[in-house]
Amino acid sequence: MSPRKILVAALTAALLTGPGVVAQAATPQAPPAPARERTAAATITWSLVRASNPTADQRSAYDLITKAMNAAVARYNNLSDLGKTLTVRYEPGVPTADGNLNGTIRFGSNRSYMNERTALHEIAHTIGVGLSGGWSRLGGSGTWTGGQATALVKQYDGSGAKISTGGGHFWPYGLNYDNEWSGTAADRHVRIVAAMVRDGL
């Protein structure tokens, strides 16, 4: 037998007789994912209703809306396990943008609202913010009373923090206006909406 074959045989024998090798071979296990990666089970999907022969105005709006929705849906899917099928429309007569519990989001002609901040905010409405029975029950007093979202905002902003509600919106982190925007605020928005759902939104 050649020296190379002897070496291979010796290594194989050593591997097979090592402790736990048979059990590991029978049930291979991947290393556990870090906790933050185990959070998401992305299930939000969306589609844009397009005209069959779009005008220049429609094409421009479709491009901006697509960019905004792709970014917002990716953020929700990366940071939450929320599920929703969304239908997005460009309707120039809508003053700003709006979201409905049935999963419809409409963007008006004002290009300043065709951004990720608005898309995140409107997705929250489709999930129940400002619109669901749970919203009325847990946020109708002017302060969100659900324990999980309240604990989260205290973690972010200190023991005296609370989530205020009114007019179908919440703050902080409701992303109600462009001046509330930052990457950190956007991440916290998604996590608070997900916590509201766990609270019973």
C-alpha atoms as a PDB file:
ATOM      1  CA  MET A   1       0.000   0.000   0.000  1.00  0.00           C
ATOM      2  CA  SER A   2       1.351   3.451  -0.913  1.00  0.00           C
ATOM      3  CA  PRO A   3       2.213   5.958   1.840  1.00  0.00           C
ATOM      4  CA  ARG A   4      -0.637   8.198   0.651  1.00  0.00           C
ATOM      5  CA  LYS A   5      -3.232   5.397   0.916  1.00  0.00           C
ATOM      6  CA  ILE A   6      -1.933   4.493   4.377  1.00  0.00           C
ATOM      7  CA  LEU A   7      -2.312   8.112   5.490  1.00  0.00           C
ATOM      8  CA  VAL A   8      -5.871   8.338   4.107  1.00  0.00           C
ATOM      9  CA  ALA A   9      -6.837   5.062   5.789  1.00  0.00           C
ATOM     10  CA  ALA A  10      -5.391   6.214   9.103  1.00  0.00           C
ATOM     11  CA  LEU A  11      -7.228   9.542   8.953  1.00  0.00           C
ATOM     12  CA  THR A  12     -10.493   7.814   8.042  1.00  0.00           C
ATOM     13  CA  ALA A  13     -10.133   5.375  10.940  1.00  0.00           C
ATOM     14  CA  ALA A  14      -9.377   8.218  13.347  1.00  0.00           C
ATOM     15  CA  LEU A  15     -12.430  10.159  12.216  1.00  0.00           C
ATOM     16  CA  LEU A  16     -14.748   7.178  12.481  1.00  0.00           C
ATOM     17  CA  THR A  17     -13.600   6.258  15.972  1.00  0.00           C
ATOM     18  CA  GLY A  18     -13.640   9.795  17.353  1.00  0.00           C
ATOM     19  CA  PRO A  19     -16.245  10.588  20.026  1.00  0.00           C
ATOM     20  CA  GLY A  20     -19.704  11.469  18.754  1.00  0.00           C
ATOM     21  CA  VAL A  21     -18.889  11.115  15.066  1.00  0.00           C
ATOM     22  CA  VAL A  22     -21.662   8.635  14.318  1.00  0.00           C
ATOM     23  CA  ALA A  23     -24.294  10.743  16.095  1.00  0.00           C
ATOM     24  CA  GLN A  24     -23.147  13.875  14.275  1.00  0.00           C
ATOM     25  CA  ALA A  25     -23.232  12.121  10.932  1.00  0.00           C
ATOM     26  CA  ALA A  26     -26.739  10.833  11.582  1.00  0.00           C
ATOM     27  CA  THR A  27     -28.171  14.209  12.671  1.00  0.00           C
ATOM     28  CA  PRO A  28     -26.142  17.073  11.213  1.00  0.00           C
ATOM     29  CA  GLN A  29     -26.945  20.410  12.803  1.00  0.00           C
ATOM     30  CA  ALA A  30     -26.193  23.885  11.567  1.00  0.00           C
ATOM     31  CA  PRO A  31     -24.903  26.379  14.089  1.00  0.00           C
ATOM     32  CA  PRO A  32     -27.729  28.424  15.629  1.00  0.00           C
ATOM     33  CA  ALA A  33     -28.436  31.731  13.921  1.00  0.00           C
ATOM     34  CA  PRO A  34     -27.917  34.884  15.952  1.00  0.00           C
ATOM     35  CA  ALA A  35     -31.126  35.959  17.722  1.00  0.00           C
ATOM     36  CA  ARG A  36     -31.687  38.988  15.499  1.00  0.00           C
ATOM     37  CA  GLU A  37     -31.677  36.791  12.380  1.00  0.00           C
ATOM     38  CA  ARG A  38     -34.245  34.391  13.806  1.00  0.00           C
ATOM     39  CA  THR A  39     -36.833  37.152  14.221  1.00  0.00           C
ATOM     40  CA  ALA A  40     -38.140  37.421  10.691  1.00  0.00           C
ATOM     41  CA  ALA A  41     -40.358  35.117   8.672  1.00  0.00           C
ATOM     42  CA  ALA A  42     -40.956  37.516   5.814  1.00  0.00           C
ATOM     43  CA  THR A  43     -44.470  37.331   4.448  1.00  0.00           C
ATOM     44  CA  ILE A  44     -45.376  40.837   3.264  1.00  0.00           C
ATOM     45  CA  THR A  45     -45.771  40.937  -0.511  1.00  0.00           C
ATOM     46  CA  TRP A  46     -46.964  43.695  -2.800  1.00  0.00           C
ATOM     47  CA  SER A  47     -47.985  44.411  -6.364  1.00  0.00           C
ATOM     48  CA  LEU A  48     -48.502  47.658  -8.251  1.00  0.00           C
ATOM     49  CA  VAL A  49     -51.576  48.139 -10.439  1.00  0.00           C
ATOM     50  CA  ARG A  50     -50.322  49.633 -13.719  1.00  0.00           C
ATOM     51  CA  ALA A  51     -52.099  51.154 -16.689  1.00  0.00           C
ATOM     52  CA  SER A  52     -51.700  49.083 -19.850  1.00  0.00           C
ATOM     53  CA  ASN A  53     -50.423  52.127 -21.763  1.00  0.00           C
ATOM     54  CA  PRO A  54     -49.020  54.452 -19.062  1.00  0.00           C
ATOM     55  CA  THR A  55     -48.486  58.151 -19.554  1.00  0.00           C
ATOM     56  CA  ALA A  56     -45.161  59.819 -18.742  1.00  0.00           C
ATOM     57  CA  ASP A  57     -46.683  60.961 -15.427  1.00  0.00           C
ATOM     58  CA  GLN A  58     -47.738  57.417 -14.557  1.00  0.00           C
ATOM     59  CA  ARG A  59     -44.341  55.938 -15.507  1.00  0.00           C
ATOM     60  CA  SER A  60     -42.585  58.505 -13.312  1.00  0.00           C
ATOM     61  CA  ALA A  61     -44.936  57.758 -10.396  1.00  0.00           C
ATOM     62  CA  TYR A  62     -44.590  53.994 -10.861  1.00  0.00           C
ATOM     63  CA  ASP A  63     -40.793  54.257 -10.643  1.00  0.00           C
ATOM     64  CA  LEU A  64     -40.868  56.284  -7.410  1.00  0.00           C
ATOM     65  CA  ILE A  65     -43.592  54.145  -5.819  1.00  0.00           C
ATOM     66  CA  THR A  66     -41.745  50.935  -6.710  1.00  0.00           C
ATOM     67  CA  LYS A  67     -38.537  52.190  -5.109  1.00  0.00           C
ATOM     68  CA  ALA A  68     -40.391  53.300  -1.956  1.00  0.00           C
ATOM     69  CA  MET A  69     -42.410  50.098  -1.597  1.00  0.00           C
ATOM     70  CA  ASN A  70     -39.451  47.798  -2.257  1.00  0.00           C
ATOM     71  CA  ALA A  71     -37.466  49.523   0.502  1.00  0.00           C
ATOM     72  CA  ALA A  72     -40.365  49.550   2.985  1.00  0.00           C
ATOM     73  CA  VAL A  73     -41.396  45.930   2.388  1.00  0.00           C
ATOM     74  CA  ALA A  74     -37.777  44.788   2.674  1.00  0.00           C
ATOM     75  CA  ARG A  75     -37.478  46.581   6.026  1.00  0.00           C
ATOM     76  CA  TYR A  76     -40.703  45.020   7.348  1.00  0.00           C
ATOM     77  CA  ASN A  77     -39.659  41.579   6.143  1.00  0.00           C
ATOM     78  CA  ASN A  78     -36.174  41.886   7.648  1.00  0.00           C
ATOM     79  CA  LEU A  79     -37.341  43.099  11.058  1.00  0.00           C
ATOM     80  CA  SER A  80     -40.739  41.461  11.636  1.00  0.00           C
ATOM     81  CA  ASP A  81     -42.768  38.347  10.997  1.00  0.00           C
ATOM     82  CA  LEU A  82     -45.851  40.285   9.894  1.00  0.00           C
ATOM     83  CA  GLY A  83     -47.838  39.039   6.941  1.00  0.00           C
ATOM     84  CA  LYS A  84     -49.932  40.967   4.421  1.00  0.00           C
ATOM     85  CA  THR A  85     -50.642  40.971   0.701  1.00  0.00           C
ATOM     86  CA  LEU A  86     -50.672  44.568  -0.517  1.00  0.00           C
ATOM     87  CA  THR A  87     -52.137  46.085  -3.666  1.00  0.00           C
ATOM     88  CA  VAL A  88     -50.661  49.491  -4.488  1.00  0.00           C
ATOM     89  CA  ARG A  89     -52.240  52.053  -6.798  1.00  0.00           C
ATOM     90  CA  TYR A  90     -51.287  55.426  -8.210  1.00  0.00           C
ATOM     91  CA  GLU A  91     -54.367  57.659  -7.932  1.00  0.00           C
ATOM     92  CA  PRO A  92     -53.546  61.328  -8.604  1.00  0.00           C
ATOM     93  CA  GLY A  93     -56.701  62.546  -6.821  1.00  0.00           C
ATOM     94  CA  VAL A  94     -55.500  61.228  -3.433  1.00  0.00           C
ATOM     95  CA  PRO A  95     -54.131  64.260  -1.502  1.00  0.00           C
ATOM     96  CA  THR A  96     -51.113  62.439  -0.004  1.00  0.00           C
ATOM     97  CA  ALA A  97     -51.277  58.645   0.459  1.00  0.00           C
ATOM     98  CA  ASP A  98     -53.480  56.238   2.379  1.00  0.00           C
ATOM     99  CA  GLY A  99     -53.608  52.629   3.517  1.00  0.00           C
ATOM    100  CA  ASN A 100     -56.609  50.392   4.169  1.00  0.00           C
ATOM    101  CA  LEU A 101     -57.072  47.225   6.243  1.00  0.00           C
ATOM    102  CA  ASN A 102     -57.970  45.396   3.018  1.00  0.00           C
ATOM    103  CA  GLY A 103     -54.330  45.754   1.960  1.00  0.00           C
ATOM    104  CA  THR A 104     -54.770  48.628  -0.496  1.00  0.00           C
ATOM    105  CA  ILE A 105     -52.293  51.515  -0.496  1.00  0.00           C
ATOM    106  CA  ARG A 106     -52.909  54.550  -2.701  1.00  0.00           C
ATOM    107  CA  PHE A 107     -50.351  57.219  -3.576  1.00  0.00           C
ATOM    108  CA  GLY A 108     -51.505  60.592  -4.886  1.00  0.00           C
ATOM    109  CA  SER A 109     -49.639  62.741  -7.402  1.00  0.00           C
ATOM    110  CA  ASN A 110     -47.486  64.606  -4.850  1.00  0.00           C
ATOM    111  CA  ARG A 111     -44.027  63.144  -5.415  1.00  0.00           C
ATOM    112  CA  SER A 112     -42.814  64.206  -1.964  1.00  0.00           C
ATOM    113  CA  TYR A 113     -44.914  61.384  -0.468  1.00  0.00           C
ATOM    114  CA  MET A 114     -43.488  58.712  -2.766  1.00  0.00           C
ATOM    115  CA  ASN A 115     -40.767  57.680  -0.341  1.00  0.00           C
ATOM    116  CA  GLU A 116     -39.957  54.870   2.078  1.00  0.00           C
ATOM    117  CA  ARG A 117     -41.183  56.838   5.090  1.00  0.00           C
ATOM    118  CA  THR A 118     -44.663  57.154   3.618  1.00  0.00           C
ATOM    119  CA  ALA A 119     -44.688  53.537   2.453  1.00  0.00           C
ATOM    120  CA  LEU A 120     -43.762  52.272   5.939  1.00  0.00           C
ATOM    121  CA  HIS A 121     -46.458  54.471   7.493  1.00  0.00           C
ATOM    122  CA  GLU A 122     -49.143  53.252   5.084  1.00  0.00           C
ATOM    123  CA  ILE A 123     -48.163  49.600   5.512  1.00  0.00           C
ATOM    124  CA  ALA A 124     -48.747  50.111   9.243  1.00  0.00           C
ATOM    125  CA  HIS A 125     -52.305  51.246   8.463  1.00  0.00           C
ATOM    126  CA  THR A 126     -52.941  48.108   6.383  1.00  0.00           C
ATOM    127  CA  ILE A 127     -51.834  46.034   9.381  1.00  0.00           C
ATOM    128  CA  GLY A 128     -54.288  47.821  11.689  1.00  0.00           C
ATOM    129  CA  VAL A 129     -52.753  51.036  12.999  1.00  0.00           C
ATOM    130  CA  GLY A 130     -55.603  53.515  13.344  1.00  0.00           C
ATOM    131  CA  LEU A 131     -58.122  51.162  11.742  1.00  0.00           C
ATOM    132  CA  SER A 132     -58.579  47.889  13.628  1.00  0.00           C
ATOM    133  CA  GLY A 133     -60.762  46.991  16.592  1.00  0.00           C
ATOM    134  CA  GLY A 134     -57.588  46.278  18.564  1.00  0.00           C
ATOM    135  CA  TRP A 135     -56.393  49.807  17.826  1.00  0.00           C
ATOM    136  CA  SER A 136     -59.585  51.263  19.305  1.00  0.00           C
ATOM    137  CA  ARG A 137     -59.364  49.020  22.365  1.00  0.00           C
ATOM    138  CA  LEU A 138     -55.651  49.485  23.101  1.00  0.00           C
ATOM    139  CA  GLY A 139     -55.035  52.986  21.737  1.00  0.00           C
ATOM    140  CA  GLY A 140     -58.397  54.723  22.070  1.00  0.00           C
ATOM    141  CA  SER A 141     -57.478  56.477  25.315  1.00  0.00           C
ATOM    142  CA  GLY A 142     -54.718  58.550  23.724  1.00  0.00           C
ATOM    143  CA  THR A 143     -51.985  56.237  25.047  1.00  0.00           C
ATOM    144  CA  TRP A 144     -51.188  52.730  23.795  1.00  0.00           C
ATOM    145  CA  THR A 145     -51.902  50.332  26.654  1.00  0.00           C
ATOM    146  CA  GLY A 146     -50.499  47.117  25.155  1.00  0.00           C
ATOM    147  CA  GLY A 147     -47.597  45.785  27.200  1.00  0.00           C
ATOM    148  CA  GLN A 148     -45.178  44.668  24.502  1.00  0.00           C
ATOM    149  CA  ALA A 149     -45.091  47.865  22.440  1.00  0.00           C
ATOM    150  CA  THR A 150     -44.989  49.951  25.633  1.00  0.00           C
ATOM    151  CA  ALA A 151     -42.021  47.963  26.940  1.00  0.00           C
ATOM    152  CA  LEU A 152     -40.251  48.455  23.614  1.00  0.00           C
ATOM    153  CA  VAL A 153     -40.623  52.245  23.571  1.00  0.00           C
ATOM    154  CA  LYS A 154     -39.358  52.360  27.181  1.00  0.00           C
ATOM    155  CA  GLN A 155     -36.338  50.333  26.067  1.00  0.00           C
ATOM    156  CA  TYR A 156     -35.702  52.897  23.307  1.00  0.00           C
ATOM    157  CA  ASP A 157     -36.474  56.142  25.143  1.00  0.00           C
ATOM    158  CA  GLY A 158     -36.318  55.477  28.879  1.00  0.00           C
ATOM    159  CA  SER A 159     -38.624  54.391  31.676  1.00  0.00           C
ATOM    160  CA  GLY A 160     -40.932  57.398  31.325  1.00  0.00           C
ATOM    161  CA  ALA A 161     -41.589  56.863  27.612  1.00  0.00           C
ATOM    162  CA  LYS A 162     -45.032  56.048  26.247  1.00  0.00           C
ATOM    163  CA  ILE A 163     -46.700  55.653  22.865  1.00  0.00           C
ATOM    164  CA  SER A 164     -49.248  58.403  22.265  1.00  0.00           C
ATOM    165  CA  THR A 165     -52.176  57.800  19.912  1.00  0.00           C
ATOM    166  CA  GLY A 166     -54.620  60.059  18.142  1.00  0.00           C
ATOM    167  CA  GLY A 167     -56.248  60.587  14.766  1.00  0.00           C
ATOM    168  CA  GLY A 168     -55.395  57.032  13.761  1.00  0.00           C
ATOM    169  CA  HIS A 169     -51.672  57.612  14.314  1.00  0.00           C
ATOM    170  CA  PHE A 170     -49.031  57.020  16.973  1.00  0.00           C
ATOM    171  CA  TRP A 171     -45.839  58.710  18.099  1.00  0.00           C
ATOM    172  CA  PRO A 172     -42.949  58.479  18.610  1.00  0.00           C
ATOM    173  CA  TYR A 173     -41.810  56.306  15.704  1.00  0.00           C
ATOM    174  CA  GLY A 174     -45.104  56.536  13.817  1.00  0.00           C
ATOM    175  CA  LEU A 175     -43.288  58.143  10.865  1.00  0.00           C
ATOM    176  CA  ASN A 176     -46.186  60.551  10.427  1.00  0.00           C
ATOM    177  CA  TYR A 177     -44.029  63.308   8.865  1.00  0.00           C
ATOM    178  CA  ASP A 178     -40.791  63.408   6.882  1.00  0.00           C
ATOM    179  CA  ASN A 179     -39.008  65.212   9.735  1.00  0.00           C
ATOM    180  CA  GLU A 180     -39.379  62.010  11.801  1.00  0.00           C
ATOM    181  CA  TRP A 181     -37.315  60.028   9.318  1.00  0.00           C
ATOM    182  CA  SER A 182     -34.057  58.257  10.087  1.00  0.00           C
ATOM    183  CA  GLY A 183     -32.883  54.701   9.576  1.00  0.00           C
ATOM    184  CA  THR A 184     -33.083  54.102  13.325  1.00  0.00           C
ATOM    185  CA  ALA A 185     -36.606  55.544  13.540  1.00  0.00           C
ATOM    186  CA  ALA A 186     -37.686  53.384  10.592  1.00  0.00           C
ATOM    187  CA  ASP A 187     -36.366  50.216  12.243  1.00  0.00           C
ATOM    188  CA  ARG A 188     -38.053  51.137  15.517  1.00  0.00           C
ATOM    189  CA  HIS A 189     -41.296  51.879  13.678  1.00  0.00           C
ATOM    190  CA  VAL A 190     -41.405  48.350  12.249  1.00  0.00           C
ATOM    191  CA  ARG A 191     -40.559  46.743  15.590  1.00  0.00           C
ATOM    192  CA  ILE A 192     -43.206  48.784  17.422  1.00  0.00           C
ATOM    193  CA  VAL A 193     -45.885  47.904  14.837  1.00  0.00           C
ATOM    194  CA  ALA A 194     -44.954  44.216  15.206  1.00  0.00           C
ATOM    195  CA  ALA A 195     -45.160  44.559  19.014  1.00  0.00           C
ATOM    196  CA  MET A 196     -48.567  46.232  18.677  1.00  0.00           C
ATOM    197  CA  VAL A 197     -49.748  43.221  16.668  1.00  0.00           C
ATOM    198  CA  ARG A 198     -48.517  40.920  19.456  1.00  0.00           C
ATOM    199  CA  ASP A 199     -50.416  43.126  21.919  1.00  0.00           C
ATOM    200  CA  GLY A 200     -53.640  42.548  19.975  1.00  0.00           C
ATOM    201  CA  LEU A 201     -53.706  45.224  17.278  1.00  0.00           C
END
